[in-house]
Amino acid sequence: MAAQRIALGRPHPRPLPQRATYAEQTQNAHDLLRAVIRELGHPAREIAADPQLRGALCDWAQVAAPRLLLILTGHFDLAIGAVLALGNGSRYQRSCLDELDTGAALGALMLTELGGTNGADQQTTATWDPESAEFILTTPSPAAIEFMPDVADPTVPKTVVVTARLLGDGRDEGVLPFLLRLRTADGLAEGVDVVRLPDKDSAPMDHAMVRFHRVRLPVDALLGGDWARIEADGHFECALPPRRRFHAAISVLGNGRLDLANAAIASARAGLAGLVNYSRQRRPGAGMRMADRDAVQQDLVGALVAVYAASVLGRQIRDMRADQSNSDAGDALWSMLAKPLLSNTAHRVLMTCRQRAAAQGALRVNRLTDWIGNLEAIITAGPCDVVRSP
């Protein structure tokens, strides 16, 4: 835990002043992510592969530097996690991973389309071109535009995992993930259009809509694990039936779900501890202490029970995922269930803290509003996690 505290403390992760623009807050999160990787002294892939270290880092990011959390999970869980779990060790993938390792490029996942987030309805296509031995990534309709990935900042190189429907030899092979250098120091990849979305009221990120115009990807852009590959003659081989391919492709979401869930409940613990401390000091005039009021005690006890139970559950699931001897596929289901349970519990507790703290709770220095803002983002992203097979 000391390493995470040091890493988050040195880049000065205090709430930025109100005069900081939304773009400045977003840029600060990017700088902070690179500083965290540098201060921890480990390649990002090692952090991503360690559920306990990665999870503790996410917990402390939510508590100490809320603007960092959401890009942190995108980088470690969704981008690097996908390459580690589904990569083939090719030169292209190693090169992308090397850049993600240091933060030279930041990672994100492109799963959600403007027309919906359901895997069965995904329209973005990756068509195999046998002449060039490349995939051609295309957005065939407005509904297929990638919606809200955090890739709008023109100064930040981004390497993304994008899910697309693989078309080859006249067949629809289902939705699979592909690794794309979306933006480098030289600019956007040829054929990529990015339009920045309006600012949100909290959880600052450089959200965008993205369209692909015949973007060419090398054969090794396909992240098929040990179950899907393109043969030298262009024939697609897959050990899984079409309905199972998408679930295998998005299996890395389990780590992100769990890390966000545990981070959410970590901020609820912090908020509750702050409210307990404040309630013992707050005494209007010569009246009763806030902590001695029945209604306040009822809120505190109810919140304590909920947070304690949710924290134990989240930590137990993290231990299960960290146990290398445990290959139970049920881990993914536990993570899926934990995300809405823990994040909604944390949201209710933090709203209680915010309301009970009254004017003090509105001050950003007390972080309650920033924690709640992140919880709104985490809960909003929930529907993206529930998908049917194509």
Protein backbone atom coordinates (compact mmCIF):
# COMPACT_ATOMS: atom_id res chain seq x y z
CA MET A 1 0.00 0.00 0.00
CA ALA A 2 2.90 2.38 0.65
CA ALA A 3 3.95 2.32 -3.00
CA GLN A 4 0.49 3.33 -4.15
CA ARG A 5 0.31 6.18 -1.62
CA ILE A 6 3.72 7.50 -2.67
CA ALA A 7 2.85 7.22 -6.35
CA LEU A 8 -0.37 9.14 -5.90
CA GLY A 9 1.10 11.63 -3.47
CA ARG A 10 4.09 12.89 -5.41
CA PRO A 11 2.21 14.12 -8.50
CA HIS A 12 0.17 16.34 -6.12
CA PRO A 13 -3.27 14.79 -6.65
CA ARG A 14 -5.24 17.49 -4.87
CA PRO A 15 -8.51 18.77 -6.30
CA LEU A 16 -7.68 21.26 -9.03
CA PRO A 17 -9.00 24.78 -8.48
CA GLN A 18 -12.39 25.66 -9.92
CA ARG A 19 -10.67 27.92 -12.45
CA ALA A 20 -9.08 24.86 -14.10
CA THR A 21 -10.90 24.13 -17.33
CA TYR A 22 -12.39 20.77 -18.13
CA ALA A 23 -9.62 20.18 -20.69
CA GLU A 24 -6.95 21.09 -18.13
CA GLN A 25 -8.38 18.62 -15.63
CA THR A 26 -8.39 15.92 -18.31
CA GLN A 27 -4.80 16.68 -19.30
CA ASN A 28 -3.76 16.59 -15.65
CA ALA A 29 -5.17 13.05 -15.37
CA HIS A 30 -3.05 11.96 -18.34
CA ASP A 31 0.07 13.45 -16.76
CA LEU A 32 -0.80 11.84 -13.45
CA LEU A 33 -1.14 8.39 -15.01
CA ARG A 34 2.35 8.62 -16.49
CA ALA A 35 3.71 9.82 -13.14
CA VAL A 36 2.06 6.89 -11.33
CA ILE A 37 3.66 4.36 -13.68
CA ARG A 38 7.04 6.07 -13.26
CA GLU A 39 6.82 6.28 -9.46
CA LEU A 40 5.74 2.67 -9.01
CA GLY A 41 8.85 1.59 -10.88
CA HIS A 42 7.20 -1.34 -12.68
CA PRO A 43 6.22 -1.77 -16.34
CA ALA A 44 2.51 -1.14 -16.71
CA ARG A 45 1.99 -4.70 -17.91
CA GLU A 46 3.25 -6.02 -14.55
CA ILE A 47 0.85 -3.77 -12.67
CA ALA A 48 -2.00 -4.82 -14.97
CA ALA A 49 -1.22 -8.51 -14.42
CA ASP A 50 -1.27 -8.25 -10.59
CA PRO A 51 -4.91 -8.11 -9.37
CA GLN A 52 -3.93 -7.05 -5.84
CA LEU A 53 -1.52 -4.27 -6.86
CA ARG A 54 -3.73 -3.03 -9.67
CA GLY A 55 -6.81 -3.17 -7.47
CA ALA A 56 -5.16 -1.32 -4.59
CA LEU A 57 -3.93 1.32 -7.02
CA CYS A 58 -7.46 1.84 -8.33
CA ASP A 59 -8.81 2.12 -4.76
CA TRP A 60 -6.28 4.83 -3.91
CA ALA A 61 -6.82 6.62 -7.22
CA GLN A 62 -10.54 6.98 -6.48
CA VAL A 63 -9.87 8.24 -2.96
CA ALA A 64 -6.81 10.45 -3.53
CA ALA A 65 -7.05 11.42 -7.22
CA PRO A 66 -10.56 10.79 -8.55
CA ARG A 67 -9.83 12.28 -11.97
CA LEU A 68 -7.26 9.52 -12.49
CA LEU A 69 -9.43 6.46 -11.83
CA LEU A 70 -11.41 6.17 -15.05
CA ILE A 71 -8.45 6.51 -17.41
CA LEU A 72 -6.46 4.24 -15.09
CA THR A 73 -8.86 1.33 -15.51
CA GLY A 74 -9.10 1.94 -19.25
CA HIS A 75 -5.32 1.81 -19.57
CA PHE A 76 -4.55 -1.14 -17.28
CA ASP A 77 -7.69 -3.27 -17.33
CA LEU A 78 -9.13 -2.81 -20.78
CA ALA A 79 -6.22 -2.04 -23.12
CA ILE A 80 -3.17 -3.70 -21.56
CA GLY A 81 -5.36 -6.43 -20.07
CA ALA A 82 -6.71 -7.32 -23.50
CA VAL A 83 -3.25 -7.54 -25.06
CA LEU A 84 -1.97 -9.71 -22.20
CA ALA A 85 -4.97 -12.03 -22.25
CA LEU A 86 -5.59 -12.22 -25.99
CA GLY A 87 -2.30 -11.26 -27.65
CA ASN A 88 -0.07 -13.53 -29.73
CA GLY A 89 3.30 -11.96 -28.89
CA SER A 90 3.83 -10.61 -32.41
CA ARG A 91 6.18 -7.71 -33.14
CA TYR A 92 3.24 -5.33 -33.71
CA GLN A 93 1.59 -6.23 -30.42
CA ARG A 94 4.87 -6.11 -28.50
CA SER A 95 5.57 -2.66 -29.91
CA CYS A 96 2.13 -1.39 -28.85
CA LEU A 97 2.56 -2.94 -25.42
CA ASP A 98 5.97 -1.31 -24.97
CA GLU A 99 4.40 2.11 -25.50
CA LEU A 100 1.57 1.35 -23.09
CA ASP A 101 4.12 0.11 -20.55
CA THR A 102 5.58 3.57 -19.97
CA GLY A 103 2.56 5.71 -20.75
CA ALA A 104 4.12 6.88 -24.02
CA ALA A 105 0.70 5.90 -25.35
CA LEU A 106 -2.42 5.63 -23.22
CA GLY A 107 -4.92 2.83 -23.68
CA ALA A 108 -8.69 2.70 -24.07
CA LEU A 109 -11.46 0.34 -25.17
CA MET A 110 -13.87 1.05 -28.04
CA LEU A 111 -16.86 -1.20 -27.46
CA THR A 112 -19.84 1.14 -27.50
CA GLU A 113 -21.47 2.33 -30.73
CA LEU A 114 -23.85 5.25 -31.07
CA GLY A 115 -26.69 2.87 -31.97
CA GLY A 116 -26.25 0.71 -28.87
CA THR A 117 -23.82 -1.34 -26.83
CA ASN A 118 -25.21 -4.79 -27.55
CA GLY A 119 -22.66 -7.14 -29.10
CA ALA A 120 -25.34 -8.76 -31.24
CA ASP A 121 -26.05 -5.40 -32.88
CA GLN A 122 -22.47 -4.22 -33.41
CA GLN A 123 -22.04 -2.83 -36.93
CA THR A 124 -18.37 -1.74 -37.14
CA THR A 125 -16.65 -4.13 -39.55
CA ALA A 126 -13.12 -5.44 -39.97
CA THR A 127 -12.96 -6.94 -43.46
CA TRP A 128 -10.08 -9.21 -44.38
CA ASP A 129 -8.31 -8.08 -47.56
CA PRO A 130 -6.43 -11.09 -49.00
CA GLU A 131 -4.46 -8.97 -51.47
CA SER A 132 -2.80 -6.79 -48.83
CA ALA A 133 -3.12 -9.34 -46.00
CA GLU A 134 -4.69 -6.65 -43.82
CA PHE A 135 -7.96 -5.94 -42.07
CA ILE A 136 -9.95 -2.92 -43.26
CA LEU A 137 -11.79 -1.24 -40.38
CA THR A 138 -14.96 0.56 -41.46
CA THR A 139 -17.87 2.43 -39.90
CA PRO A 140 -20.73 1.47 -42.25
CA SER A 141 -23.45 3.76 -40.83
CA PRO A 142 -23.98 6.63 -38.37
CA ALA A 143 -25.31 4.14 -35.80
CA ALA A 144 -21.92 2.37 -35.90
CA ILE A 145 -19.93 5.46 -34.84
CA GLU A 146 -17.82 4.71 -31.75
CA PHE A 147 -19.38 6.65 -28.87
CA MET A 148 -17.59 8.23 -25.92
CA PRO A 149 -14.11 6.64 -25.91
CA ASP A 150 -11.65 9.00 -24.22
CA VAL A 151 -9.48 9.76 -27.27
CA ALA A 152 -10.26 13.39 -28.16
CA ASP A 153 -7.12 15.10 -26.84
CA PRO A 154 -4.95 15.74 -29.93
CA THR A 155 -1.76 15.86 -27.84
CA VAL A 156 -2.09 12.39 -26.27
CA PRO A 157 -1.09 9.26 -28.23
CA LYS A 158 -3.77 6.60 -27.85
CA THR A 159 -3.68 2.88 -28.56
CA VAL A 160 -7.12 1.32 -28.44
CA VAL A 161 -8.79 -2.06 -28.47
CA VAL A 162 -11.77 -1.81 -30.82
CA THR A 163 -14.36 -4.52 -31.24
CA ALA A 164 -15.60 -5.10 -34.79
CA ARG A 165 -17.45 -7.68 -36.84
CA LEU A 166 -14.90 -9.79 -38.74
CA LEU A 167 -15.88 -10.32 -42.36
CA GLY A 168 -13.79 -12.71 -44.41
CA ASP A 169 -14.24 -14.86 -47.44
CA GLY A 170 -17.90 -13.85 -47.62
CA ARG A 171 -18.63 -14.92 -44.04
CA ASP A 172 -19.55 -13.07 -40.87
CA GLU A 173 -17.23 -14.50 -38.20
CA GLY A 174 -18.72 -12.55 -35.28
CA VAL A 175 -17.38 -9.68 -33.17
CA LEU A 176 -13.70 -9.80 -32.19
CA PRO A 177 -11.20 -7.31 -30.71
CA PHE A 178 -8.50 -5.53 -32.73
CA LEU A 179 -5.51 -3.49 -31.57
CA LEU A 180 -5.18 -0.08 -33.22
CA ARG A 181 -2.68 2.75 -32.86
CA LEU A 182 -5.41 5.34 -33.09
CA ARG A 183 -3.14 8.34 -32.54
CA THR A 184 0.65 8.64 -32.41
CA ALA A 185 2.93 11.63 -32.04
CA ASP A 186 2.45 12.12 -35.79
CA GLY A 187 -1.35 12.39 -35.50
CA LEU A 188 -4.37 10.21 -36.16
CA ALA A 189 -4.13 6.99 -38.11
CA GLU A 190 -5.12 7.42 -41.75
CA GLY A 191 -8.85 7.11 -42.18
CA VAL A 192 -9.79 7.95 -38.58
CA ASP A 193 -12.11 10.89 -37.82
CA VAL A 194 -12.45 12.09 -34.21
CA VAL A 195 -15.00 14.63 -32.97
CA ARG A 196 -14.79 15.82 -29.38
CA LEU A 197 -17.98 15.52 -27.34
CA PRO A 198 -19.29 18.27 -25.02
CA ASP A 199 -18.00 18.36 -21.45
CA LYS A 200 -19.68 16.41 -18.66
CA ASP A 201 -20.41 18.03 -15.30
CA SER A 202 -17.92 15.76 -13.52
CA ALA A 203 -15.42 12.92 -14.08
CA PRO A 204 -13.49 14.88 -16.74
CA MET A 205 -12.35 12.80 -19.73
CA ASP A 206 -11.64 13.63 -23.38
CA HIS A 207 -14.72 11.86 -24.73
CA ALA A 208 -15.22 11.64 -28.48
CA MET A 209 -17.12 10.09 -31.33
CA VAL A 210 -14.95 8.18 -33.81
CA ARG A 211 -15.57 7.08 -37.39
CA PHE A 212 -13.39 4.71 -39.43
CA HIS A 213 -12.92 5.16 -43.20
CA ARG A 214 -11.16 2.04 -44.46
CA VAL A 215 -8.50 2.07 -41.74
CA ARG A 216 -5.90 -0.60 -42.49
CA LEU A 217 -4.76 -2.91 -39.71
CA PRO A 218 -1.97 -5.51 -39.85
CA VAL A 219 -2.89 -9.17 -39.51
CA ASP A 220 -1.52 -9.17 -35.96
CA ALA A 221 -4.02 -6.51 -34.91
CA LEU A 222 -6.45 -9.36 -34.27
CA LEU A 223 -6.55 -10.21 -30.57
CA GLY A 224 -7.73 -13.79 -30.75
CA GLY A 225 -5.92 -15.42 -27.86
CA ASP A 226 -5.16 -19.06 -28.52
CA TRP A 227 -8.55 -19.65 -30.07
CA ALA A 228 -8.76 -17.40 -33.17
CA ARG A 229 -6.27 -16.60 -35.94
CA ILE A 230 -5.93 -15.86 -39.63
CA GLU A 231 -3.93 -18.49 -41.53
CA ALA A 232 -1.28 -17.57 -44.11
CA ASP A 233 -3.78 -18.28 -46.90
CA GLY A 234 -6.30 -15.91 -45.32
CA HIS A 235 -8.51 -18.64 -43.89
CA PHE A 236 -9.99 -17.76 -40.48
CA GLU A 237 -9.59 -20.44 -37.84
CA CYS A 238 -11.47 -20.31 -34.56
CA ALA A 239 -11.83 -22.96 -31.88
CA LEU A 240 -14.98 -21.33 -30.50
CA PRO A 241 -18.47 -21.29 -32.03
CA PRO A 242 -19.63 -17.82 -33.15
CA ARG A 243 -21.90 -17.22 -30.14
CA ARG A 244 -19.01 -17.73 -27.70
CA ARG A 245 -16.45 -15.57 -29.50
CA PHE A 246 -17.72 -12.21 -28.33
CA HIS A 247 -17.84 -13.31 -24.69
CA ALA A 248 -14.26 -14.54 -24.96
CA ALA A 249 -13.27 -11.27 -26.63
CA ILE A 250 -14.64 -9.11 -23.81
CA SER A 251 -13.51 -11.38 -20.97
CA VAL A 252 -11.07 -8.67 -19.81
CA LEU A 253 -14.04 -6.56 -18.74
CA GLY A 254 -14.17 -8.64 -15.56
CA ASN A 255 -11.04 -6.99 -14.18
CA GLY A 256 -12.35 -3.52 -14.94
CA ARG A 257 -15.74 -4.23 -13.40
CA LEU A 258 -14.18 -5.46 -10.18
CA ASP A 259 -11.60 -2.68 -9.92
CA LEU A 260 -14.27 -0.01 -10.41
CA ALA A 261 -16.55 -1.71 -7.88
CA ASN A 262 -13.87 -1.91 -5.20
CA ALA A 263 -12.69 1.65 -5.91
CA ALA A 264 -16.25 2.87 -5.53
CA ILE A 265 -16.68 1.26 -2.13
CA ALA A 266 -13.23 2.54 -1.06
CA SER A 267 -14.45 6.10 -1.54
CA ALA A 268 -17.61 5.27 0.41
CA ARG A 269 -15.42 4.13 3.32
CA ALA A 270 -13.46 7.37 3.09
CA GLY A 271 -16.60 9.50 2.90
CA LEU A 272 -18.18 7.72 5.85
CA ALA A 273 -15.04 8.13 7.96
CA GLY A 274 -15.02 11.83 7.15
CA LEU A 275 -18.67 12.24 8.06
CA VAL A 276 -18.22 10.44 11.39
CA ASN A 277 -15.34 12.76 12.23
CA TYR A 278 -17.30 15.84 11.18
CA SER A 279 -20.43 14.79 13.10
CA ARG A 280 -18.41 14.66 16.34
CA GLN A 281 -17.23 18.24 15.83
CA ARG A 282 -20.43 19.80 14.53
CA ARG A 283 -22.42 21.41 17.37
CA PRO A 284 -24.77 24.24 16.35
CA GLY A 285 -24.57 26.93 19.02
CA ALA A 286 -24.95 25.34 22.45
CA GLY A 287 -27.04 22.50 21.10
CA MET A 288 -26.53 18.77 20.74
CA ARG A 289 -23.63 17.37 18.76
CA MET A 290 -24.55 16.17 15.30
CA ALA A 291 -23.20 12.71 16.19
CA ASP A 292 -25.67 12.42 19.09
CA ARG A 293 -28.79 12.94 17.01
CA ASP A 294 -30.89 9.82 16.43
CA ALA A 295 -31.46 10.45 12.74
CA VAL A 296 -27.73 10.94 12.11
CA GLN A 297 -26.82 7.82 14.07
CA GLN A 298 -29.36 5.82 12.08
CA ASP A 299 -27.78 7.01 8.82
CA LEU A 300 -24.26 6.28 10.04
CA VAL A 301 -25.05 2.79 11.32
CA GLY A 302 -26.96 1.82 8.19
CA ALA A 303 -24.15 3.12 5.96
CA LEU A 304 -21.49 1.36 8.06
CA VAL A 305 -23.22 -2.02 7.75
CA ALA A 306 -23.66 -1.64 3.99
CA VAL A 307 -20.08 -0.48 3.39
CA TYR A 308 -18.57 -3.17 5.60
CA ALA A 309 -20.46 -5.98 3.86
CA ALA A 310 -19.73 -4.61 0.38
CA SER A 311 -16.02 -4.16 1.20
CA VAL A 312 -15.69 -7.75 2.40
CA LEU A 313 -17.42 -9.06 -0.71
CA GLY A 314 -15.26 -6.97 -3.05
CA ARG A 315 -12.03 -8.02 -1.39
CA GLN A 316 -13.02 -11.68 -1.41
CA ILE A 317 -13.72 -11.57 -5.15
CA ARG A 318 -10.38 -9.81 -5.71
CA ASP A 319 -8.66 -12.59 -3.75
CA MET A 320 -10.44 -15.15 -5.91
CA ARG A 321 -9.18 -13.50 -9.10
CA ALA A 322 -5.66 -13.25 -7.67
CA ASP A 323 -5.57 -16.95 -6.78
CA GLN A 324 -3.61 -18.48 -9.65
CA SER A 325 -4.76 -21.97 -8.69
CA ASN A 326 -8.39 -20.94 -9.12
CA SER A 327 -9.57 -21.20 -12.70
CA ASP A 328 -13.26 -21.08 -11.88
CA ALA A 329 -15.15 -19.35 -14.69
CA GLY A 330 -17.55 -18.12 -12.03
CA ASP A 331 -15.05 -15.37 -11.14
CA ALA A 332 -16.27 -13.40 -14.14
CA LEU A 333 -19.88 -13.72 -12.99
CA TRP A 334 -18.96 -12.57 -9.47
CA SER A 335 -17.25 -9.50 -10.92
CA MET A 336 -20.26 -8.73 -13.08
CA LEU A 337 -22.56 -8.93 -10.07
CA ALA A 338 -20.22 -6.96 -7.82
CA LYS A 339 -20.07 -3.90 -10.06
CA PRO A 340 -23.70 -2.74 -9.79
CA LEU A 341 -24.01 -3.92 -6.18
CA LEU A 342 -20.92 -2.15 -4.85
CA SER A 343 -21.17 0.97 -7.02
CA ASN A 344 -24.82 1.59 -6.18
CA THR A 345 -24.16 0.95 -2.48
CA ALA A 346 -21.25 3.41 -2.59
CA HIS A 347 -23.39 5.99 -4.38
CA ARG A 348 -26.14 5.81 -1.77
CA VAL A 349 -23.64 6.13 1.09
CA LEU A 350 -21.79 9.04 -0.52
CA MET A 351 -25.05 10.87 -1.19
CA THR A 352 -25.90 10.46 2.49
CA CYS A 353 -22.49 11.86 3.40
CA ARG A 354 -22.88 14.75 0.98
CA GLN A 355 -26.30 15.70 2.32
CA ARG A 356 -25.38 15.30 5.98
CA ALA A 357 -22.20 17.36 5.52
CA ALA A 358 -24.34 20.12 3.97
CA ALA A 359 -22.25 23.13 2.90
CA GLN A 360 -18.98 21.42 3.87
CA GLY A 361 -19.86 18.56 1.57
CA ALA A 362 -20.08 20.92 -1.41
CA LEU A 363 -16.43 21.96 -1.13
CA ARG A 364 -14.24 20.06 -3.60
CA VAL A 365 -11.39 19.94 -1.10
CA ASN A 366 -13.49 17.38 0.81
CA ARG A 367 -13.73 15.31 -2.42
CA LEU A 368 -17.31 14.12 -1.89
CA THR A 369 -18.54 15.76 -5.09
CA ASP A 370 -15.64 14.30 -7.11
CA TRP A 371 -16.25 10.81 -5.70
CA ILE A 372 -19.95 11.06 -6.50
CA GLY A 373 -19.14 12.29 -10.01
CA ASN A 374 -17.02 9.21 -10.63
CA LEU A 375 -19.76 6.99 -9.24
CA GLU A 376 -22.22 8.54 -11.70
CA ALA A 377 -19.82 7.67 -14.53
CA ILE A 378 -19.28 4.12 -13.25
CA ILE A 379 -23.01 3.49 -12.91
CA THR A 380 -23.74 5.03 -16.32
CA ALA A 381 -21.20 2.66 -17.87
CA GLY A 382 -23.02 -0.29 -16.33
CA PRO A 383 -25.31 -1.03 -19.30
CA CYS A 384 -22.22 -1.34 -21.51
CA ASP A 385 -21.23 -4.40 -19.48
CA VAL A 386 -24.42 -6.34 -20.21
CA VAL A 387 -24.33 -7.71 -23.73
CA ARG A 388 -25.74 -10.59 -25.71
CA SER A 389 -23.65 -12.75 -27.95
CA PRO A 390 -23.71 -11.88 -31.65
